[in-house]
Amino acid sequence: MTAETITILTGNALLGGEVIWWTGQGWSRHIDEAAAVPDDGAAVIAAESAAGRVVGGYAIAATRDGAGIRPQHIKERVRALGPTVRLDLSLRPHDPAAAAWIA
């Protein structure tokens, strides 16, 4: 599969503060479950914010290929991985290549 640039939505869960990604039907903590949105996603963000399911939502550029989805900006890659102070607390604790995925 060749890499394609897509737009995905991210924000934080209102109650727990976790980084979350729009799946097309709801929110997930796992970026590889994110769905591409055909526009800037403003309508989705507005509806989900009003319903109290996301706070601070916005659209980002990402690349999707056979390995999954990877945000184009390093800030979003850090957010997708989880805590960086200890990789054993990240969303990929048993992946020895997780730190290299960020840079």
PDB file of N, CA and C in Angstrom:
ATOM      1  N   MET A   1       0.851  -1.176   0.000  1.00  0.00           N
ATOM      2  CA  MET A   1       0.000   0.000   0.000  1.00  0.00           C
ATOM      3  C   MET A   1       0.899   1.243   0.000  1.00  0.00           C
ATOM      4  N   THR A   2       0.638   2.153  -0.887  1.00  0.00           N
ATOM      5  CA  THR A   2       1.399   3.387  -0.907  1.00  0.00           C
ATOM      6  C   THR A   2       0.860   4.346   0.149  1.00  0.00           C
ATOM      7  N   ALA A   3       1.722   5.215   0.617  1.00  0.00           N
ATOM      8  CA  ALA A   3       1.328   6.173   1.651  1.00  0.00           C
ATOM      9  C   ALA A   3       0.414   7.235   1.048  1.00  0.00           C
ATOM     10  N   GLU A   4      -0.594   7.596   1.815  1.00  0.00           N
ATOM     11  CA  GLU A   4      -1.491   8.670   1.397  1.00  0.00           C
ATOM     12  C   GLU A   4      -1.629   9.668   2.540  1.00  0.00           C
ATOM     13  N   THR A   5      -1.760  10.932   2.187  1.00  0.00           N
ATOM     14  CA  THR A   5      -1.966  11.969   3.183  1.00  0.00           C
ATOM     15  C   THR A   5      -3.456  12.091   3.447  1.00  0.00           C
ATOM     16  N   ILE A   6      -3.822  12.062   4.723  1.00  0.00           N
ATOM     17  CA  ILE A   6      -5.223  12.165   5.116  1.00  0.00           C
ATOM     18  C   ILE A   6      -5.363  13.214   6.214  1.00  0.00           C
ATOM     19  N   THR A   7      -6.574  13.647   6.438  1.00  0.00           N
ATOM     20  CA  THR A   7      -6.896  14.528   7.551  1.00  0.00           C
ATOM     21  C   THR A   7      -7.658  13.709   8.582  1.00  0.00           C
ATOM     22  N   ILE A   8      -7.216  13.782   9.833  1.00  0.00           N
ATOM     23  CA  ILE A   8      -7.894  13.091  10.925  1.00  0.00           C
ATOM     24  C   ILE A   8      -8.193  14.085  12.035  1.00  0.00           C
ATOM     25  N   LEU A   9      -9.070  13.695  12.946  1.00  0.00           N
ATOM     26  CA  LEU A   9      -9.462  14.572  14.047  1.00  0.00           C
ATOM     27  C   LEU A   9      -8.923  14.039  15.364  1.00  0.00           C
ATOM     28  N   THR A  10      -8.507  14.958  16.206  1.00  0.00           N
ATOM     29  CA  THR A  10      -8.011  14.606  17.528  1.00  0.00           C
ATOM     30  C   THR A  10      -8.500  15.626  18.543  1.00  0.00           C
ATOM     31  N   GLY A  11      -8.405  15.271  19.782  1.00  0.00           N
ATOM     32  CA  GLY A  11      -8.784  16.148  20.884  1.00  0.00           C
ATOM     33  C   GLY A  11      -8.492  15.405  22.170  1.00  0.00           C
ATOM     34  N   ASN A  12      -9.133  15.826  23.225  1.00  0.00           N
ATOM     35  CA  ASN A  12      -8.975  15.162  24.506  1.00  0.00           C
ATOM     36  C   ASN A  12     -10.340  14.769  25.043  1.00  0.00           C
ATOM     37  N   ALA A  13     -10.397  13.629  25.720  1.00  0.00           N
ATOM     38  CA  ALA A  13     -11.631  13.192  26.358  1.00  0.00           C
ATOM     39  C   ALA A  13     -11.967  14.182  27.468  1.00  0.00           C
ATOM     40  N   LEU A  14     -13.203  14.603  27.539  1.00  0.00           N
ATOM     41  CA  LEU A  14     -13.623  15.610  28.515  1.00  0.00           C
ATOM     42  C   LEU A  14     -13.410  15.138  29.952  1.00  0.00           C
ATOM     43  N   LEU A  15     -13.780  13.924  30.263  1.00  0.00           N
ATOM     44  CA  LEU A  15     -13.715  13.470  31.648  1.00  0.00           C
ATOM     45  C   LEU A  15     -12.335  13.019  32.092  1.00  0.00           C
ATOM     46  N   GLY A  16     -11.592  12.315  31.243  1.00  0.00           N
ATOM     47  CA  GLY A  16     -10.311  11.769  31.662  1.00  0.00           C
ATOM     48  C   GLY A  16      -9.094  12.495  31.120  1.00  0.00           C
ATOM     49  N   GLY A  17      -9.273  13.311  30.094  1.00  0.00           N
ATOM     50  CA  GLY A  17      -8.172  14.052  29.518  1.00  0.00           C
ATOM     51  C   GLY A  17      -7.320  13.288  28.526  1.00  0.00           C
ATOM     52  N   GLU A  18      -7.647  12.014  28.275  1.00  0.00           N
ATOM     53  CA  GLU A  18      -6.845  11.221  27.347  1.00  0.00           C
ATOM     54  C   GLU A  18      -6.885  11.811  25.945  1.00  0.00           C
ATOM     55  N   VAL A  19      -5.787  11.615  25.197  1.00  0.00           N
ATOM     56  CA  VAL A  19      -5.756  11.970  23.787  1.00  0.00           C
ATOM     57  C   VAL A  19      -6.649  10.977  23.060  1.00  0.00           C
ATOM     58  N   ILE A  20      -7.540  11.487  22.218  1.00  0.00           N
ATOM     59  CA  ILE A  20      -8.464  10.618  21.493  1.00  0.00           C
ATOM     60  C   ILE A  20      -8.491  10.992  20.015  1.00  0.00           C
ATOM     61  N   TRP A  21      -8.914  10.035  19.198  1.00  0.00           N
ATOM     62  CA  TRP A  21      -8.919  10.154  17.740  1.00  0.00           C
ATOM     63  C   TRP A  21     -10.299   9.760  17.212  1.00  0.00           C
ATOM     64  N   TRP A  22     -10.836  10.529  16.281  1.00  0.00           N
ATOM     65  CA  TRP A  22     -12.167  10.271  15.711  1.00  0.00           C
ATOM     66  C   TRP A  22     -12.114   9.054  14.799  1.00  0.00           C
ATOM     67  N   THR A  23     -13.009   8.088  15.032  1.00  0.00           N
ATOM     68  CA  THR A  23     -13.035   6.844  14.256  1.00  0.00           C
ATOM     69  C   THR A  23     -14.060   6.866  13.124  1.00  0.00           C
ATOM     70  N   GLY A  24     -14.855   7.897  13.072  1.00  0.00           N
ATOM     71  CA  GLY A  24     -15.952   7.954  12.111  1.00  0.00           C
ATOM     72  C   GLY A  24     -17.283   7.667  12.784  1.00  0.00           C
ATOM     73  N   GLN A  25     -17.221   7.015  13.959  1.00  0.00           N
ATOM     74  CA  GLN A  25     -18.433   6.700  14.712  1.00  0.00           C
ATOM     75  C   GLN A  25     -18.307   7.042  16.184  1.00  0.00           C
ATOM     76  N   GLY A  26     -17.124   7.369  16.611  1.00  0.00           N
ATOM     77  CA  GLY A  26     -16.862   7.667  18.010  1.00  0.00           C
ATOM     78  C   GLY A  26     -15.391   7.996  18.174  1.00  0.00           C
ATOM     79  N   TRP A  27     -14.897   7.870  19.389  1.00  0.00           N
ATOM     80  CA  TRP A  27     -13.519   8.233  19.693  1.00  0.00           C
ATOM     81  C   TRP A  27     -12.744   7.033  20.215  1.00  0.00           C
ATOM     82  N   SER A  28     -11.452   7.000  19.905  1.00  0.00           N
ATOM     83  CA  SER A  28     -10.570   5.917  20.351  1.00  0.00           C
ATOM     84  C   SER A  28      -9.270   6.514  20.885  1.00  0.00           C
ATOM     85  N   ARG A  29      -8.641   5.825  21.800  1.00  0.00           N
ATOM     86  CA  ARG A  29      -7.320   6.223  22.286  1.00  0.00           C
ATOM     87  C   ARG A  29      -6.224   5.797  21.315  1.00  0.00           C
ATOM     88  N   HIS A  30      -6.550   5.009  20.321  1.00  0.00           N
ATOM     89  CA  HIS A  30      -5.562   4.433  19.413  1.00  0.00           C
ATOM     90  C   HIS A  30      -5.642   5.080  18.035  1.00  0.00           C
ATOM     91  N   ILE A  31      -4.568   5.720  17.626  1.00  0.00           N
ATOM     92  CA  ILE A  31      -4.557   6.462  16.374  1.00  0.00           C
ATOM     93  C   ILE A  31      -4.828   5.581  15.159  1.00  0.00           C
ATOM     94  N   ASP A  32      -4.431   4.326  15.183  1.00  0.00           N
ATOM     95  CA  ASP A  32      -4.664   3.465  14.022  1.00  0.00           C
ATOM     96  C   ASP A  32      -6.140   3.181  13.784  1.00  0.00           C
ATOM     97  N   GLU A  33      -6.994   3.563  14.714  1.00  0.00           N
ATOM     98  CA  GLU A  33      -8.442   3.425  14.521  1.00  0.00           C
ATOM     99  C   GLU A  33      -9.061   4.712  13.978  1.00  0.00           C
ATOM    100  N   ALA A  34      -8.236   5.747  13.761  1.00  0.00           N
ATOM    101  CA  ALA A  34      -8.748   7.028  13.262  1.00  0.00           C
ATOM    102  C   ALA A  34      -9.239   6.900  11.832  1.00  0.00           C
ATOM    103  N   ALA A  35     -10.292   7.642  11.529  1.00  0.00           N
ATOM    104  CA  ALA A  35     -10.867   7.658  10.182  1.00  0.00           C
ATOM    105  C   ALA A  35     -10.504   8.967   9.496  1.00  0.00           C
ATOM    106  N   ALA A  36     -10.271   8.875   8.209  1.00  0.00           N
ATOM    107  CA  ALA A  36     -10.038  10.082   7.420  1.00  0.00           C
ATOM    108  C   ALA A  36     -11.348  10.860   7.322  1.00  0.00           C
ATOM    109  N   VAL A  37     -11.243  12.176   7.425  1.00  0.00           N
ATOM    110  CA  VAL A  37     -12.426  13.029   7.253  1.00  0.00           C
ATOM    111  C   VAL A  37     -12.281  13.776   5.931  1.00  0.00           C
ATOM    112  N   PRO A  38     -13.373  13.906   5.188  1.00  0.00           N
ATOM    113  CA  PRO A  38     -13.282  14.502   3.851  1.00  0.00           C
ATOM    114  C   PRO A  38     -13.066  16.013   3.845  1.00  0.00           C
ATOM    115  N   ASP A  39     -13.367  16.692   4.936  1.00  0.00           N
ATOM    116  CA  ASP A  39     -13.180  18.144   4.993  1.00  0.00           C
ATOM    117  C   ASP A  39     -12.399  18.476   6.256  1.00  0.00           C
ATOM    118  N   ASP A  40     -12.527  19.667   6.774  1.00  0.00           N
ATOM    119  CA  ASP A  40     -11.764  20.037   7.965  1.00  0.00           C
ATOM    120  C   ASP A  40     -12.340  19.457   9.252  1.00  0.00           C
ATOM    121  N   GLY A  41     -13.487  18.819   9.192  1.00  0.00           N
ATOM    122  CA  GLY A  41     -14.077  18.165  10.352  1.00  0.00           C
ATOM    123  C   GLY A  41     -14.740  19.101  11.342  1.00  0.00           C
ATOM    124  N   ALA A  42     -14.904  20.355  10.982  1.00  0.00           N
ATOM    125  CA  ALA A  42     -15.467  21.339  11.913  1.00  0.00           C
ATOM    126  C   ALA A  42     -16.845  20.936  12.428  1.00  0.00           C
ATOM    127  N   ALA A  43     -17.683  20.378  11.583  1.00  0.00           N
ATOM    128  CA  ALA A  43     -19.035  19.989  12.003  1.00  0.00           C
ATOM    129  C   ALA A  43     -18.970  18.851  13.023  1.00  0.00           C
ATOM    130  N   VAL A  44     -18.076  17.896  12.799  1.00  0.00           N
ATOM    131  CA  VAL A  44     -17.926  16.780  13.739  1.00  0.00           C
ATOM    132  C   VAL A  44     -17.424  17.306  15.079  1.00  0.00           C
ATOM    133  N   ILE A  45     -16.404  18.138  15.046  1.00  0.00           N
ATOM    134  CA  ILE A  45     -15.846  18.700  16.282  1.00  0.00           C
ATOM    135  C   ILE A  45     -16.915  19.488  17.040  1.00  0.00           C
ATOM    136  N   ALA A  46     -17.680  20.301  16.330  1.00  0.00           N
ATOM    137  CA  ALA A  46     -18.727  21.105  16.984  1.00  0.00           C
ATOM    138  C   ALA A  46     -19.762  20.210  17.660  1.00  0.00           C
ATOM    139  N   ALA A  47     -20.230  19.181  16.958  1.00  0.00           N
ATOM    140  CA  ALA A  47     -21.249  18.284  17.516  1.00  0.00           C
ATOM    141  C   ALA A  47     -20.700  17.487  18.697  1.00  0.00           C
ATOM    142  N   GLU A  48     -19.488  16.979  18.575  1.00  0.00           N
ATOM    143  CA  GLU A  48     -18.894  16.178  19.644  1.00  0.00           C
ATOM    144  C   GLU A  48     -18.545  17.041  20.863  1.00  0.00           C
ATOM    145  N   SER A  49     -18.133  18.272  20.621  1.00  0.00           N
ATOM    146  CA  SER A  49     -17.867  19.199  21.739  1.00  0.00           C
ATOM    147  C   SER A  49     -19.152  19.536  22.469  1.00  0.00           C
ATOM    148  N   ALA A  50     -20.216  19.816  21.712  1.00  0.00           N
ATOM    149  CA  ALA A  50     -21.512  20.149  22.310  1.00  0.00           C
ATOM    150  C   ALA A  50     -22.065  18.983  23.123  1.00  0.00           C
ATOM    151  N   ALA A  51     -21.775  17.762  22.687  1.00  0.00           N
ATOM    152  CA  ALA A  51     -22.251  16.570  23.398  1.00  0.00           C
ATOM    153  C   ALA A  51     -21.352  16.220  24.589  1.00  0.00           C
ATOM    154  N   GLY A  52     -20.251  16.937  24.755  1.00  0.00           N
ATOM    155  CA  GLY A  52     -19.367  16.686  25.891  1.00  0.00           C
ATOM    156  C   GLY A  52     -18.473  15.474  25.744  1.00  0.00           C
ATOM    157  N   ARG A  53     -18.227  15.045  24.507  1.00  0.00           N
ATOM    158  CA  ARG A  53     -17.385  13.864  24.307  1.00  0.00           C
ATOM    159  C   ARG A  53     -15.931  14.209  23.998  1.00  0.00           C
ATOM    160  N   VAL A  54     -15.673  15.460  23.602  1.00  0.00           N
ATOM    161  CA  VAL A  54     -14.311  15.871  23.276  1.00  0.00           C
ATOM    162  C   VAL A  54     -14.142  17.336  23.651  1.00  0.00           C
ATOM    163  N   VAL A  55     -12.926  17.685  24.030  1.00  0.00           N
ATOM    164  CA  VAL A  55     -12.591  19.076  24.314  1.00  0.00           C
ATOM    165  C   VAL A  55     -11.326  19.405  23.527  1.00  0.00           C
ATOM    166  N   GLY A  56     -11.286  20.612  22.977  1.00  0.00           N
ATOM    167  CA  GLY A  56     -10.103  21.050  22.240  1.00  0.00           C
ATOM    168  C   GLY A  56      -9.852  20.285  20.962  1.00  0.00           C
ATOM    169  N   GLY A  57     -10.896  19.852  20.289  1.00  0.00           N
ATOM    170  CA  GLY A  57     -10.731  19.067  19.071  1.00  0.00           C
ATOM    171  C   GLY A  57     -10.229  19.902  17.898  1.00  0.00           C
ATOM    172  N   TYR A  58      -9.451  19.255  17.026  1.00  0.00           N
ATOM    173  CA  TYR A  58      -8.960  19.913  15.823  1.00  0.00           C
ATOM    174  C   TYR A  58      -8.533  18.869  14.796  1.00  0.00           C
ATOM    175  N   ALA A  59      -8.341  19.317  13.573  1.00  0.00           N
ATOM    176  CA  ALA A  59      -7.935  18.443  12.475  1.00  0.00           C
ATOM    177  C   ALA A  59      -6.423  18.504  12.302  1.00  0.00           C
ATOM    178  N   ILE A  60      -5.834  17.362  11.929  1.00  0.00           N
ATOM    179  CA  ILE A  60      -4.396  17.310  11.655  1.00  0.00           C
ATOM    180  C   ILE A  60      -4.146  16.511  10.376  1.00  0.00           C
ATOM    181  N   ALA A  61      -2.974  16.726   9.794  1.00  0.00           N
ATOM    182  CA  ALA A  61      -2.541  15.941   8.642  1.00  0.00           C
ATOM    183  C   ALA A  61      -1.795  14.713   9.143  1.00  0.00           C
ATOM    184  N   ALA A  62      -2.033  13.596   8.478  1.00  0.00           N
ATOM    185  CA  ALA A  62      -1.366  12.345   8.829  1.00  0.00           C
ATOM    186  C   ALA A  62      -1.089  11.569   7.552  1.00  0.00           C
ATOM    187  N   THR A  63      -0.241  10.573   7.675  1.00  0.00           N
ATOM    188  CA  THR A  63       0.063   9.671   6.569  1.00  0.00           C
ATOM    189  C   THR A  63      -0.445   8.292   6.941  1.00  0.00           C
ATOM    190  N   ARG A  64      -1.144   7.656   6.004  1.00  0.00           N
ATOM    191  CA  ARG A  64      -1.623   6.286   6.216  1.00  0.00           C
ATOM    192  C   ARG A  64      -0.955   5.380   5.195  1.00  0.00           C
ATOM    193  N   ASP A  65      -0.391   4.278   5.680  1.00  0.00           N
ATOM    194  CA  ASP A  65       0.199   3.276   4.795  1.00  0.00           C
ATOM    195  C   ASP A  65      -0.014   1.899   5.426  1.00  0.00           C
ATOM    196  N   GLY A  66       0.682   0.914   4.946  1.00  0.00           N
ATOM    197  CA  GLY A  66       0.518  -0.443   5.453  1.00  0.00           C
ATOM    198  C   GLY A  66       0.899  -0.601   6.915  1.00  0.00           C
ATOM    199  N   ALA A  67       1.710   0.320   7.446  1.00  0.00           N
ATOM    200  CA  ALA A  67       2.122   0.255   8.845  1.00  0.00           C
ATOM    201  C   ALA A  67       1.135   0.950   9.769  1.00  0.00           C
ATOM    202  N   GLY A  68       0.168   1.666   9.223  1.00  0.00           N
ATOM    203  CA  GLY A  68      -0.831   2.353  10.039  1.00  0.00           C
ATOM    204  C   GLY A  68      -0.882   3.838   9.740  1.00  0.00           C
ATOM    205  N   ILE A  69      -1.288   4.599  10.752  1.00  0.00           N
ATOM    206  CA  ILE A  69      -1.442   6.046  10.612  1.00  0.00           C
ATOM    207  C   ILE A  69      -0.362   6.723  11.442  1.00  0.00           C
ATOM    208  N   ARG A  70       0.304   7.710  10.839  1.00  0.00           N
ATOM    209  CA  ARG A  70       1.365   8.455  11.531  1.00  0.00           C
ATOM    210  C   ARG A  70       1.146   9.943  11.289  1.00  0.00           C
ATOM    211  N   PRO A  71       0.930  10.708  12.361  1.00  0.00           N
ATOM    212  CA  PRO A  71       0.777  12.156  12.201  1.00  0.00           C
ATOM    213  C   PRO A  71       2.019  12.755  11.547  1.00  0.00           C
ATOM    214  N   GLN A  72       1.816  13.807  10.761  1.00  0.00           N
ATOM    215  CA  GLN A  72       2.942  14.430  10.086  1.00  0.00           C
ATOM    216  C   GLN A  72       3.769  15.298  11.023  1.00  0.00           C
ATOM    217  N   HIS A  73       3.162  15.868  12.045  1.00  0.00           N
ATOM    218  CA  HIS A  73       3.886  16.750  12.958  1.00  0.00           C
ATOM    219  C   HIS A  73       4.332  15.971  14.195  1.00  0.00           C
ATOM    220  N   ILE A  74       5.545  16.243  14.656  1.00  0.00           N
ATOM    221  CA  ILE A  74       6.106  15.523  15.804  1.00  0.00           C
ATOM    222  C   ILE A  74       5.253  15.684  17.061  1.00  0.00           C
ATOM    223  N   LYS A  75       4.654  16.858  17.259  1.00  0.00           N
ATOM    224  CA  LYS A  75       3.797  17.068  18.442  1.00  0.00           C
ATOM    225  C   LYS A  75       2.686  16.034  18.477  1.00  0.00           C
ATOM    226  N   GLU A  76       2.070  15.785  17.347  1.00  0.00           N
ATOM    227  CA  GLU A  76       0.957  14.834  17.287  1.00  0.00           C
ATOM    228  C   GLU A  76       1.449  13.399  17.422  1.00  0.00           C
ATOM    229  N   ARG A  77       2.661  13.104  16.977  1.00  0.00           N
ATOM    230  CA  ARG A  77       3.215  11.754  17.177  1.00  0.00           C
ATOM    231  C   ARG A  77       3.457  11.503  18.658  1.00  0.00           C
ATOM    232  N   VAL A  78       3.929  12.518  19.376  1.00  0.00           N
ATOM    233  CA  VAL A  78       4.108  12.391  20.822  1.00  0.00           C
ATOM    234  C   VAL A  78       2.762  12.158  21.490  1.00  0.00           C
ATOM    235  N   ARG A  79       1.745  12.930  21.103  1.00  0.00           N
ATOM    236  CA  ARG A  79       0.410  12.762  21.678  1.00  0.00           C
ATOM    237  C   ARG A  79      -0.140  11.368  21.390  1.00  0.00           C
ATOM    238  N   ALA A  80       0.121  10.836  20.196  1.00  0.00           N
ATOM    239  CA  ALA A  80      -0.401   9.525  19.806  1.00  0.00           C
ATOM    240  C   ALA A  80       0.259   8.393  20.583  1.00  0.00           C
ATOM    241  N   LEU A  81       1.522   8.559  20.932  1.00  0.00           N
ATOM    242  CA  LEU A  81       2.235   7.497  21.636  1.00  0.00           C
ATOM    243  C   LEU A  81       1.838   7.413  23.103  1.00  0.00           C
ATOM    244  N   GLY A  82       1.569   8.544  23.716  1.00  0.00           N
ATOM    245  CA  GLY A  82       1.243   8.547  25.134  1.00  0.00           C
ATOM    246  C   GLY A  82       2.398   9.117  25.929  1.00  0.00           C
ATOM    247  N   PRO A  83       2.407   8.913  27.240  1.00  0.00           N
ATOM    248  CA  PRO A  83       3.455   9.507  28.081  1.00  0.00           C
ATOM    249  C   PRO A  83       4.852   9.142  27.590  1.00  0.00           C
ATOM    250  N   THR A  84       5.727  10.124  27.535  1.00  0.00           N
ATOM    251  CA  THR A  84       7.082   9.881  27.051  1.00  0.00           C
ATOM    252  C   THR A  84       8.107   9.832  28.172  1.00  0.00           C
ATOM    253  N   VAL A  85       7.681  10.104  29.379  1.00  0.00           N
ATOM    254  CA  VAL A  85       8.630  10.047  30.484  1.00  0.00           C
ATOM    255  C   VAL A  85       9.040   8.616  30.790  1.00  0.00           C
ATOM    256  N   ARG A  86       8.142   7.683  30.539  1.00  0.00           N
ATOM    257  CA  ARG A  86       8.417   6.251  30.694  1.00  0.00           C
ATOM    258  C   ARG A  86       7.657   5.521  29.598  1.00  0.00           C
ATOM    259  N   LEU A  87       8.389   4.938  28.653  1.00  0.00           N
ATOM    260  CA  LEU A  87       7.725   4.268  27.541  1.00  0.00           C
ATOM    261  C   LEU A  87       6.904   3.065  27.979  1.00  0.00           C
ATOM    262  N   ASP A  88       7.175   2.516  29.171  1.00  0.00           N
ATOM    263  CA  ASP A  88       6.358   1.400  29.651  1.00  0.00           C
ATOM    264  C   ASP A  88       4.943   1.856  29.991  1.00  0.00           C
ATOM    265  N   LEU A  89       4.725   3.166  30.117  1.00  0.00           N
ATOM    266  CA  LEU A  89       3.389   3.706  30.366  1.00  0.00           C
ATOM    267  C   LEU A  89       2.706   4.171  29.088  1.00  0.00           C
ATOM    268  N   SER A  90       3.387   4.060  27.956  1.00  0.00           N
ATOM    269  CA  SER A  90       2.832   4.525  26.686  1.00  0.00           C
ATOM    270  C   SER A  90       1.769   3.562  26.170  1.00  0.00           C
ATOM    271  N   LEU A  91       1.174   3.890  25.047  1.00  0.00           N
ATOM    272  CA  LEU A  91       0.184   3.012  24.432  1.00  0.00           C
ATOM    273  C   LEU A  91       0.837   1.860  23.673  1.00  0.00           C
ATOM    274  N   ARG A  92       2.176   1.892  23.545  1.00  0.00           N
ATOM    275  CA  ARG A  92       2.912   0.815  22.872  1.00  0.00           C
ATOM    276  C   ARG A  92       4.073   0.359  23.757  1.00  0.00           C
ATOM    277  N   PRO A  93       3.797  -0.126  24.975  1.00  0.00           N
ATOM    278  CA  PRO A  93       4.868  -0.420  25.937  1.00  0.00           C
ATOM    279  C   PRO A  93       5.795  -1.562  25.534  1.00  0.00           C
ATOM    280  N   HIS A  94       5.365  -2.455  24.684  1.00  0.00           N
ATOM    281  CA  HIS A  94       6.185  -3.607  24.322  1.00  0.00           C
ATOM    282  C   HIS A  94       6.780  -3.471  22.927  1.00  0.00           C
ATOM    283  N   ASP A  95       6.695  -2.283  22.357  1.00  0.00           N
ATOM    284  CA  ASP A  95       7.214  -2.034  21.019  1.00  0.00           C
ATOM    285  C   ASP A  95       8.577  -1.360  21.134  1.00  0.00           C
ATOM    286  N   PRO A  96       9.675  -2.080  20.858  1.00  0.00           N
ATOM    287  CA  PRO A  96      10.997  -1.484  20.998  1.00  0.00           C
ATOM    288  C   PRO A  96      11.246  -0.340  20.014  1.00  0.00           C
ATOM    289  N   ALA A  97      10.457  -0.238  18.963  1.00  0.00           N
ATOM    290  CA  ALA A  97      10.635   0.822  17.978  1.00  0.00           C
ATOM    291  C   ALA A  97       9.749   2.034  18.258  1.00  0.00           C
ATOM    292  N   ALA A  98       9.043   2.047  19.368  1.00  0.00           N
ATOM    293  CA  ALA A  98       8.088   3.125  19.639  1.00  0.00           C
ATOM    294  C   ALA A  98       8.754   4.499  19.692  1.00  0.00           C
ATOM    295  N   ALA A  99       9.883   4.599  20.345  1.00  0.00           N
ATOM    296  CA  ALA A  99      10.561   5.900  20.442  1.00  0.00           C
ATOM    297  C   ALA A  99      11.011   6.374  19.065  1.00  0.00           C
ATOM    298  N   ALA A 100      11.466   5.485  18.214  1.00  0.00           N
ATOM    299  CA  ALA A 100      11.896   5.860  16.861  1.00  0.00           C
ATOM    300  C   ALA A 100      10.713   6.298  16.004  1.00  0.00           C
ATOM    301  N   TRP A 101       9.521   5.841  16.317  1.00  0.00           N
ATOM    302  CA  TRP A 101       8.319   6.220  15.567  1.00  0.00           C
ATOM    303  C   TRP A 101       8.048   7.706  15.693  1.00  0.00           C
ATOM    304  N   ILE A 102       8.430   8.313  16.835  1.00  0.00           N
ATOM    305  CA  ILE A 102       8.190   9.732  17.050  1.00  0.00           C
ATOM    306  C   ILE A 102       9.069  10.585  16.161  1.00  0.00           C
ATOM    307  N   ALA A 103      10.356  10.328  16.137  1.00  0.00           N
ATOM    308  CA  ALA A 103      11.306  11.177  15.398  1.00  0.00           C
ATOM    309  C   ALA A 103      11.389  10.844  13.941  1.00  0.00           C
TER     310      ALA A 103
END
